[in-house]
């Protein structure tokens, strides 16, 4: 009897300690691509996700940390794609930082960079 109870308790401990595998939404791609070398301001800042993402914050930053204006084209509803139109940009390095909420409720964040040549 003790052996059977021990086996049941061991199986229960393994079962209860197992964490479920939950896939988080991932960024599939960006425009411009991370590390892109451009000759002019991109027409659109675009991100594609593999699962709907609610983008709660997005910023376009110059190398010195100055935030550049963008007109958000995507609302706050969860979406597979996000886009925003940047104002004209001078030559230099830029980083797009974003935060969002995945459909499973997890907070996500990321960034990508590009450069506009003289």
N, C-alpha and C. Protein backbone atom coordinates (compact mmCIF):
# COMPACT_ATOMS: atom_id res chain seq x y z
N UNK A 1 0.83 -1.19 0.00
CA UNK A 1 0.00 0.00 0.00
C UNK A 1 0.87 1.25 0.00
N UNK A 2 1.93 1.24 0.82
CA UNK A 2 2.81 2.39 0.88
C UNK A 2 3.50 2.66 -0.45
N UNK A 3 3.85 1.56 -1.16
CA UNK A 3 4.49 1.71 -2.46
C UNK A 3 3.54 2.36 -3.46
N UNK A 4 2.31 1.93 -3.44
CA UNK A 4 1.31 2.47 -4.36
C UNK A 4 1.07 3.96 -4.06
N UNK A 5 0.95 4.30 -2.79
CA UNK A 5 0.75 5.70 -2.39
C UNK A 5 1.96 6.54 -2.77
N UNK A 6 3.15 6.01 -2.57
CA UNK A 6 4.38 6.73 -2.94
C UNK A 6 4.42 6.98 -4.44
N UNK A 7 4.03 6.00 -5.23
CA UNK A 7 4.01 6.14 -6.69
C UNK A 7 3.01 7.21 -7.12
N UNK A 8 1.85 7.20 -6.51
CA UNK A 8 0.81 8.19 -6.83
C UNK A 8 1.29 9.59 -6.47
N UNK A 9 1.87 9.73 -5.28
CA UNK A 9 2.37 11.04 -4.86
C UNK A 9 3.51 11.53 -5.75
N UNK A 10 4.39 10.63 -6.16
CA UNK A 10 5.50 11.01 -7.04
C UNK A 10 4.96 11.46 -8.40
N UNK A 11 3.99 10.72 -8.93
CA UNK A 11 3.39 11.09 -10.22
C UNK A 11 2.68 12.43 -10.12
N UNK A 12 1.97 12.65 -9.02
CA UNK A 12 1.27 13.92 -8.82
C UNK A 12 2.26 15.08 -8.72
N UNK A 13 3.36 14.87 -8.03
CA UNK A 13 4.37 15.93 -7.90
C UNK A 13 4.96 16.29 -9.25
N UNK A 14 5.24 15.28 -10.07
CA UNK A 14 5.77 15.55 -11.41
C UNK A 14 4.74 16.28 -12.25
N UNK A 15 3.51 15.83 -12.21
CA UNK A 15 2.44 16.44 -13.00
C UNK A 15 2.20 17.89 -12.58
N UNK A 16 2.15 18.15 -11.29
CA UNK A 16 1.86 19.49 -10.80
C UNK A 16 3.02 20.45 -10.98
N UNK A 17 4.24 19.94 -11.03
CA UNK A 17 5.39 20.83 -11.19
C UNK A 17 5.69 21.14 -12.64
N UNK A 18 5.09 20.40 -13.55
CA UNK A 18 5.34 20.65 -14.97
C UNK A 18 4.70 21.98 -15.37
N UNK A 19 5.46 22.80 -16.05
CA UNK A 19 4.92 24.09 -16.50
C UNK A 19 4.42 23.93 -17.93
N UNK A 20 3.28 24.49 -18.21
CA UNK A 20 2.75 24.37 -19.56
C UNK A 20 3.61 25.17 -20.54
N UNK A 21 3.72 24.65 -21.76
CA UNK A 21 4.45 25.36 -22.79
C UNK A 21 3.51 26.34 -23.45
N UNK A 22 3.77 27.61 -23.29
CA UNK A 22 2.94 28.65 -23.87
C UNK A 22 3.81 29.43 -24.83
N UNK A 23 3.41 29.45 -26.07
CA UNK A 23 4.17 30.20 -27.07
C UNK A 23 3.76 31.67 -27.03
N UNK A 24 4.74 32.53 -26.88
CA UNK A 24 4.46 33.96 -26.89
C UNK A 24 4.50 34.46 -28.33
N UNK A 25 3.80 35.55 -28.56
CA UNK A 25 3.84 36.18 -29.86
C UNK A 25 5.27 36.63 -30.15
N UNK A 26 5.69 36.48 -31.38
CA UNK A 26 7.03 36.90 -31.77
C UNK A 26 6.95 37.83 -32.96
N UNK A 27 7.90 38.74 -33.02
CA UNK A 27 8.01 39.63 -34.17
C UNK A 27 8.58 38.83 -35.33
N UNK A 28 7.88 38.80 -36.46
CA UNK A 28 8.33 38.05 -37.62
C UNK A 28 9.20 38.89 -38.54
N UNK A 29 8.97 40.19 -38.55
CA UNK A 29 9.75 41.04 -39.45
C UNK A 29 9.44 42.50 -39.25
N UNK A 30 10.33 43.34 -39.78
CA UNK A 30 10.14 44.79 -39.69
C UNK A 30 10.51 45.43 -41.03
N UNK A 31 9.94 46.59 -41.25
CA UNK A 31 10.32 47.46 -42.35
C UNK A 31 10.50 48.83 -41.75
N UNK A 32 11.70 49.39 -41.86
CA UNK A 32 12.89 48.80 -42.46
C UNK A 32 13.40 47.62 -41.63
N UNK A 33 14.18 46.77 -42.29
CA UNK A 33 14.77 45.62 -41.60
C UNK A 33 15.77 46.11 -40.56
N UNK A 34 15.95 45.32 -39.52
CA UNK A 34 16.93 45.66 -38.49
C UNK A 34 18.31 45.77 -39.13
N UNK A 35 18.98 46.90 -38.90
CA UNK A 35 20.31 47.14 -39.46
C UNK A 35 20.31 47.68 -40.88
N UNK A 36 19.14 48.01 -41.42
CA UNK A 36 19.05 48.49 -42.81
C UNK A 36 19.81 49.80 -42.99
N UNK A 37 20.41 49.96 -44.16
CA UNK A 37 21.08 51.19 -44.58
C UNK A 37 20.18 51.82 -45.65
N UNK A 38 19.59 52.96 -45.34
CA UNK A 38 18.65 53.62 -46.25
C UNK A 38 19.27 54.90 -46.80
N UNK A 39 18.69 55.39 -47.90
CA UNK A 39 19.13 56.66 -48.47
C UNK A 39 18.13 57.78 -48.22
N UNK A 40 16.95 57.41 -47.70
CA UNK A 40 15.92 58.41 -47.40
C UNK A 40 15.01 57.89 -46.30
N UNK A 41 14.15 58.77 -45.79
CA UNK A 41 13.19 58.40 -44.75
C UNK A 41 12.31 57.26 -45.24
N UNK A 42 12.13 56.22 -44.43
CA UNK A 42 11.21 55.15 -44.86
C UNK A 42 9.78 55.69 -44.91
N UNK A 43 9.02 55.20 -45.88
CA UNK A 43 7.62 55.64 -46.00
C UNK A 43 6.81 55.19 -44.79
N UNK A 44 7.19 54.04 -44.22
CA UNK A 44 6.41 53.46 -43.15
C UNK A 44 7.32 52.68 -42.21
N UNK A 45 7.02 52.75 -40.92
CA UNK A 45 7.61 51.85 -39.93
C UNK A 45 6.59 50.72 -39.79
N UNK A 46 7.01 49.49 -40.04
CA UNK A 46 6.07 48.38 -40.12
C UNK A 46 6.62 47.19 -39.34
N UNK A 47 5.78 46.57 -38.52
CA UNK A 47 6.16 45.35 -37.79
C UNK A 47 5.10 44.29 -38.01
N UNK A 48 5.54 43.05 -38.16
CA UNK A 48 4.63 41.92 -38.37
C UNK A 48 4.88 40.91 -37.24
N UNK A 49 3.79 40.42 -36.65
CA UNK A 49 3.86 39.46 -35.54
C UNK A 49 3.19 38.16 -35.95
N UNK A 50 3.57 37.05 -35.30
CA UNK A 50 2.97 35.76 -35.63
C UNK A 50 1.66 35.50 -34.89
N UNK A 51 1.32 36.37 -33.95
CA UNK A 51 0.10 36.26 -33.17
C UNK A 51 -0.35 37.70 -32.86
N UNK A 52 -1.64 37.97 -32.77
CA UNK A 52 -2.06 39.35 -32.52
C UNK A 52 -1.36 39.99 -31.32
N UNK A 53 -0.92 41.21 -31.52
CA UNK A 53 -0.20 41.97 -30.50
C UNK A 53 -0.87 43.34 -30.37
N UNK A 54 -1.05 43.77 -29.14
CA UNK A 54 -1.56 45.11 -28.87
C UNK A 54 -0.34 45.98 -28.57
N UNK A 55 0.04 46.82 -29.50
CA UNK A 55 1.21 47.69 -29.31
C UNK A 55 0.77 48.86 -28.43
N UNK A 56 1.35 48.92 -27.24
CA UNK A 56 0.96 49.95 -26.27
C UNK A 56 1.88 51.16 -26.29
N UNK A 57 3.11 50.98 -26.82
CA UNK A 57 4.05 52.09 -26.89
C UNK A 57 5.00 51.83 -28.05
N UNK A 58 5.25 52.85 -28.83
CA UNK A 58 6.26 52.77 -29.87
C UNK A 58 6.92 54.14 -29.98
N UNK A 59 8.26 54.13 -30.06
CA UNK A 59 9.01 55.38 -30.15
C UNK A 59 10.08 55.23 -31.23
N UNK A 60 10.30 56.31 -31.95
CA UNK A 60 11.39 56.39 -32.92
C UNK A 60 12.42 57.35 -32.34
N UNK A 61 13.62 56.84 -32.08
CA UNK A 61 14.65 57.63 -31.39
C UNK A 61 15.87 57.84 -32.28
N UNK A 62 16.39 59.08 -32.25
CA UNK A 62 17.68 59.36 -32.87
C UNK A 62 18.77 58.75 -31.98
N UNK A 63 19.99 58.71 -32.50
CA UNK A 63 21.11 58.13 -31.75
C UNK A 63 21.33 58.83 -30.42
N UNK A 64 21.01 60.13 -30.33
CA UNK A 64 21.21 60.87 -29.08
C UNK A 64 20.04 60.73 -28.11
N UNK A 65 19.03 59.91 -28.47
CA UNK A 65 17.88 59.67 -27.60
C UNK A 65 16.69 60.58 -27.84
N UNK A 66 16.83 61.54 -28.76
CA UNK A 66 15.72 62.43 -29.08
C UNK A 66 14.61 61.64 -29.77
N UNK A 67 13.38 61.81 -29.28
CA UNK A 67 12.25 61.12 -29.88
C UNK A 67 11.77 61.88 -31.11
N UNK A 68 11.57 61.15 -32.20
CA UNK A 68 11.12 61.73 -33.46
C UNK A 68 9.62 61.47 -33.63
N UNK A 69 8.91 62.42 -34.25
CA UNK A 69 7.46 62.24 -34.41
C UNK A 69 7.11 61.15 -35.43
N UNK A 70 6.05 60.43 -35.13
CA UNK A 70 5.48 59.43 -36.03
C UNK A 70 3.97 59.53 -35.93
N UNK A 71 3.29 59.29 -37.03
CA UNK A 71 1.83 59.23 -37.02
C UNK A 71 1.43 57.76 -37.00
N UNK A 72 0.85 57.36 -35.89
CA UNK A 72 0.46 55.96 -35.71
C UNK A 72 -0.69 55.63 -36.66
N UNK A 73 -0.53 54.56 -37.43
CA UNK A 73 -1.56 54.15 -38.37
C UNK A 73 -2.37 52.97 -37.87
N UNK A 74 -1.91 52.35 -36.80
CA UNK A 74 -2.58 51.19 -36.21
C UNK A 74 -3.07 51.58 -34.83
N UNK A 75 -4.30 51.20 -34.52
CA UNK A 75 -4.88 51.54 -33.22
C UNK A 75 -4.34 50.66 -32.11
N UNK A 76 -5.03 50.65 -30.98
CA UNK A 76 -4.61 49.86 -29.82
C UNK A 76 -5.20 48.45 -29.80
N UNK A 77 -6.03 48.11 -30.78
CA UNK A 77 -6.59 46.77 -30.80
C UNK A 77 -5.51 45.77 -31.22
N UNK A 78 -5.58 44.52 -30.73
CA UNK A 78 -4.59 43.52 -31.12
C UNK A 78 -4.60 43.30 -32.63
N UNK A 79 -3.42 43.18 -33.20
CA UNK A 79 -3.28 43.03 -34.65
C UNK A 79 -2.01 42.26 -34.97
N UNK A 80 -2.01 41.61 -36.12
CA UNK A 80 -0.80 40.92 -36.59
C UNK A 80 0.22 41.90 -37.16
N UNK A 81 -0.23 43.11 -37.50
CA UNK A 81 0.66 44.10 -38.08
C UNK A 81 0.51 45.45 -37.39
N UNK A 82 1.60 46.19 -37.35
CA UNK A 82 1.61 47.55 -36.82
C UNK A 82 2.31 48.42 -37.84
N UNK A 83 1.78 49.63 -38.05
CA UNK A 83 2.49 50.57 -38.91
C UNK A 83 2.29 52.00 -38.42
N UNK A 84 3.31 52.81 -38.69
CA UNK A 84 3.30 54.23 -38.35
C UNK A 84 4.12 54.96 -39.41
N UNK A 85 3.73 56.19 -39.69
CA UNK A 85 4.43 56.99 -40.69
C UNK A 85 5.34 58.00 -39.99
N UNK A 86 6.66 57.89 -40.22
CA UNK A 86 7.57 58.84 -39.58
C UNK A 86 7.59 60.17 -40.31
N UNK A 87 7.89 61.23 -39.57
CA UNK A 87 8.13 62.54 -40.18
C UNK A 87 9.45 62.43 -40.96
N UNK A 88 9.73 63.38 -41.87
CA UNK A 88 11.01 63.34 -42.58
C UNK A 88 12.19 63.30 -41.60
N UNK A 89 13.14 62.43 -41.90
CA UNK A 89 14.29 62.21 -41.02
C UNK A 89 15.58 62.65 -41.69
N UNK A 90 16.45 63.26 -40.92
CA UNK A 90 17.77 63.65 -41.40
C UNK A 90 18.68 62.41 -41.42
N UNK A 91 19.78 62.46 -42.17
CA UNK A 91 20.73 61.35 -42.11
C UNK A 91 21.17 61.08 -40.67
N UNK A 92 21.34 59.81 -40.35
CA UNK A 92 21.75 59.41 -39.00
C UNK A 92 21.23 58.04 -38.65
N UNK A 93 21.48 57.64 -37.42
CA UNK A 93 21.05 56.33 -36.90
C UNK A 93 19.77 56.49 -36.08
N UNK A 94 18.87 55.53 -36.24
CA UNK A 94 17.57 55.57 -35.57
C UNK A 94 17.24 54.20 -34.99
N UNK A 95 16.51 54.21 -33.88
CA UNK A 95 16.05 52.98 -33.24
C UNK A 95 14.55 53.09 -32.99
N UNK A 96 13.84 52.04 -33.32
CA UNK A 96 12.41 51.93 -33.00
C UNK A 96 12.31 51.03 -31.77
N UNK A 97 11.75 51.56 -30.69
CA UNK A 97 11.49 50.77 -29.48
C UNK A 97 9.99 50.58 -29.36
N UNK A 98 9.57 49.39 -28.98
CA UNK A 98 8.14 49.11 -28.83
C UNK A 98 7.88 48.23 -27.61
N UNK A 99 6.66 48.36 -27.12
CA UNK A 99 6.14 47.49 -26.06
C UNK A 99 4.74 47.09 -26.46
N UNK A 100 4.35 45.91 -26.04
CA UNK A 100 3.02 45.45 -26.39
C UNK A 100 2.54 44.37 -25.44
N UNK A 101 1.32 43.97 -25.67
CA UNK A 101 0.68 42.94 -24.88
C UNK A 101 0.26 41.82 -25.83
N UNK A 102 0.83 40.64 -25.64
CA UNK A 102 0.50 39.49 -26.49
C UNK A 102 -0.91 39.00 -26.16
N UNK A 103 -1.46 38.20 -27.05
CA UNK A 103 -2.83 37.71 -26.85
C UNK A 103 -2.93 36.81 -25.62
N UNK A 104 -1.80 36.25 -25.16
CA UNK A 104 -1.83 35.43 -23.94
C UNK A 104 -1.66 36.26 -22.68
N UNK A 105 -1.59 37.60 -22.84
CA UNK A 105 -1.51 38.50 -21.69
C UNK A 105 -0.11 38.87 -21.27
N UNK A 106 0.91 38.30 -21.89
CA UNK A 106 2.29 38.60 -21.50
C UNK A 106 2.76 39.91 -22.12
N UNK A 107 3.46 40.70 -21.32
CA UNK A 107 4.06 41.94 -21.81
C UNK A 107 5.27 41.59 -22.66
N UNK A 108 5.39 42.23 -23.80
CA UNK A 108 6.49 41.98 -24.73
C UNK A 108 7.14 43.33 -25.05
N UNK A 109 8.39 43.29 -25.46
CA UNK A 109 9.06 44.51 -25.90
C UNK A 109 10.18 44.14 -26.86
N UNK A 110 10.61 45.12 -27.62
CA UNK A 110 11.69 44.88 -28.56
C UNK A 110 12.14 46.18 -29.19
N UNK A 111 13.11 46.06 -30.06
CA UNK A 111 13.61 47.22 -30.78
C UNK A 111 14.28 46.76 -32.06
N UNK A 112 14.43 47.68 -32.99
CA UNK A 112 15.22 47.46 -34.19
C UNK A 112 15.75 48.81 -34.65
N UNK A 113 16.84 48.76 -35.40
CA UNK A 113 17.53 50.00 -35.77
C UNK A 113 17.73 50.06 -37.28
N UNK A 114 17.90 51.27 -37.77
CA UNK A 114 18.24 51.49 -39.17
C UNK A 114 19.03 52.78 -39.26
N UNK A 115 19.64 52.99 -40.41
CA UNK A 115 20.45 54.18 -40.61
C UNK A 115 20.08 54.83 -41.94
N UNK A 116 20.06 56.15 -41.95
CA UNK A 116 19.86 56.91 -43.18
C UNK A 116 21.19 57.56 -43.51
N UNK A 117 21.73 57.21 -44.68
CA UNK A 117 23.04 57.72 -45.09
C UNK A 117 22.91 59.12 -45.68
N UNK A 118 24.04 59.84 -45.68
CA UNK A 118 24.08 61.19 -46.29
C UNK A 118 23.85 61.10 -47.77
